[in-house]
Protein backbone atom coordinates (compact mmCIF):
# COMPACT_ATOMS: atom_id res chain seq x y z
CA UNK A 1 -63.70 22.66 -27.98
CA UNK A 2 -60.95 20.05 -29.12
CA UNK A 3 -58.03 21.82 -30.97
CA UNK A 4 -56.38 20.57 -34.31
CA UNK A 5 -52.96 21.32 -34.45
CA UNK A 6 -50.32 21.63 -36.92
CA UNK A 7 -46.75 21.50 -36.03
CA UNK A 8 -44.74 23.65 -38.08
CA UNK A 9 -40.78 22.62 -38.57
CA UNK A 10 -39.95 18.93 -37.70
CA UNK A 11 -36.56 19.63 -35.90
CA UNK A 12 -35.10 18.32 -32.89
CA UNK A 13 -37.17 20.39 -30.44
CA UNK A 14 -40.43 19.97 -31.96
CA UNK A 15 -39.76 16.12 -31.43
CA UNK A 16 -40.70 16.70 -27.81
CA UNK A 17 -44.02 18.36 -28.46
CA UNK A 18 -45.62 16.30 -30.86
CA UNK A 19 -46.19 13.45 -28.24
CA UNK A 20 -47.41 16.28 -25.62
CA UNK A 21 -49.74 17.72 -28.05
CA UNK A 22 -51.28 14.02 -28.89
CA UNK A 23 -51.43 13.43 -25.09
CA UNK A 24 -53.36 16.50 -24.30
CA UNK A 25 -57.24 16.17 -23.50
CA UNK A 26 -57.86 19.36 -25.28
CA UNK A 27 -56.26 18.04 -28.65
CA UNK A 28 -58.24 15.90 -31.08
CA UNK A 29 -55.51 15.98 -34.07
CA UNK A 30 -51.95 16.69 -34.70
CA UNK A 31 -50.52 17.00 -38.20
CA UNK A 32 -46.94 18.06 -38.92
CA UNK A 33 -45.17 20.17 -41.77
CA UNK A 34 -41.66 20.94 -42.64
CA UNK A 35 -39.97 22.48 -45.81
CA UNK A 36 -37.96 19.21 -45.96
CA UNK A 37 -40.52 16.65 -46.77
CA UNK A 38 -38.59 13.62 -45.57
CA UNK A 39 -38.54 15.39 -42.12
CA UNK A 40 -42.16 15.36 -42.11
CA UNK A 41 -42.42 11.71 -43.27
CA UNK A 42 -40.24 10.83 -40.44
CA UNK A 43 -42.20 12.50 -37.82
CA UNK A 44 -45.21 11.24 -39.54
CA UNK A 45 -44.10 7.62 -39.22
CA UNK A 46 -42.88 7.92 -35.72
CA UNK A 47 -45.87 9.66 -34.27
CA UNK A 48 -48.44 8.32 -36.41
CA UNK A 49 -49.65 11.34 -37.82
CA UNK A 50 -50.71 13.03 -41.19
CA UNK A 51 -48.44 15.23 -42.90
CA UNK A 52 -49.65 18.61 -43.88
CA UNK A 53 -47.84 19.71 -47.21
CA UNK A 54 -46.89 23.40 -46.46
CA UNK A 55 -47.35 26.11 -43.87
CA UNK A 56 -49.66 27.81 -46.23
CA UNK A 57 -51.86 24.75 -46.79
CA UNK A 58 -52.02 24.69 -42.78
CA UNK A 59 -53.10 28.21 -42.92
CA UNK A 60 -55.92 27.53 -45.58
CA UNK A 61 -57.16 24.30 -44.00
CA UNK A 62 -60.14 25.12 -41.91
CA UNK A 63 -59.88 21.89 -40.02
CA UNK A 64 -56.65 22.90 -38.79
CA UNK A 65 -57.47 25.76 -35.99
CA UNK A 66 -53.99 25.88 -34.11
CA UNK A 67 -50.47 26.09 -35.35
CA UNK A 68 -47.30 25.18 -33.36
CA UNK A 69 -44.34 27.07 -34.85
CA UNK A 70 -40.91 25.30 -34.12
CA UNK A 71 -38.88 26.72 -37.37
CA UNK A 72 -35.73 28.39 -37.39
CA UNK A 73 -36.10 31.41 -34.91
CA UNK A 74 -35.52 33.97 -37.57
CA UNK A 75 -38.99 32.50 -39.08
CA UNK A 76 -40.88 32.62 -35.94
CA UNK A 77 -42.07 36.37 -35.97
CA UNK A 78 -43.45 36.46 -39.49
CA UNK A 79 -44.96 33.17 -39.38
CA UNK A 80 -46.96 33.94 -36.22
CA UNK A 81 -48.19 37.21 -37.77
CA UNK A 82 -49.25 35.41 -40.89
CA UNK A 83 -50.97 32.63 -38.83
CA UNK A 84 -52.78 34.95 -36.46
CA UNK A 85 -54.36 36.72 -39.62
CA UNK A 86 -55.31 33.67 -40.96
CA UNK A 87 -57.47 33.09 -37.77
CA UNK A 88 -55.48 30.45 -36.08
CA UNK A 89 -54.50 30.02 -32.78
CA UNK A 90 -50.73 30.16 -32.43
CA UNK A 91 -48.17 28.20 -30.14
CA UNK A 92 -44.91 29.52 -30.88
CA UNK A 93 -41.12 28.29 -29.69
CA UNK A 94 -39.18 30.84 -28.10
CA UNK A 95 -38.33 33.17 -29.24
CA UNK A 96 -41.48 34.59 -30.36
CA UNK A 97 -39.42 37.17 -32.65
CA UNK A 98 -35.77 38.30 -33.06
CA UNK A 99 -36.53 42.10 -33.21
CA UNK A 100 -38.39 44.48 -31.32
CA UNK A 101 -40.26 45.34 -34.38
CA UNK A 102 -41.57 41.81 -35.02
CA UNK A 103 -42.69 41.61 -31.24
CA UNK A 104 -44.72 44.53 -32.09
CA UNK A 105 -46.09 43.08 -35.01
CA UNK A 106 -47.31 40.16 -33.22
CA UNK A 107 -48.44 42.15 -30.32
CA UNK A 108 -50.62 44.41 -32.91
CA UNK A 109 -52.04 40.97 -34.61
CA UNK A 110 -53.11 39.64 -31.24
CA UNK A 111 -54.98 42.61 -30.55
CA UNK A 112 -56.41 42.57 -34.17
CA UNK A 113 -57.33 39.08 -34.22
């Protein structure tokens, strides 16, 4: 199975991962998403990938099976849980969450999904 990845968050850290995902033999496609459209458009131009309009669009797109969360760290936990319950594979930048409760929610979401 080839993965179709939506990179969520187009900051400095994610910049290193887009080409890594593109080069991976098990990845068929990569798209990018950011709440600041100009950042996503910059990534799209730099890496030759399409823009996904929003995190919610990525979760609702049946062609996207994986999300890679590179947003601000306080958003990681809630976004990971939403993505898991949306049926997506998830790659999360560190930390995966900022509280022990959020870590527990992620563990439960992994078990449930």
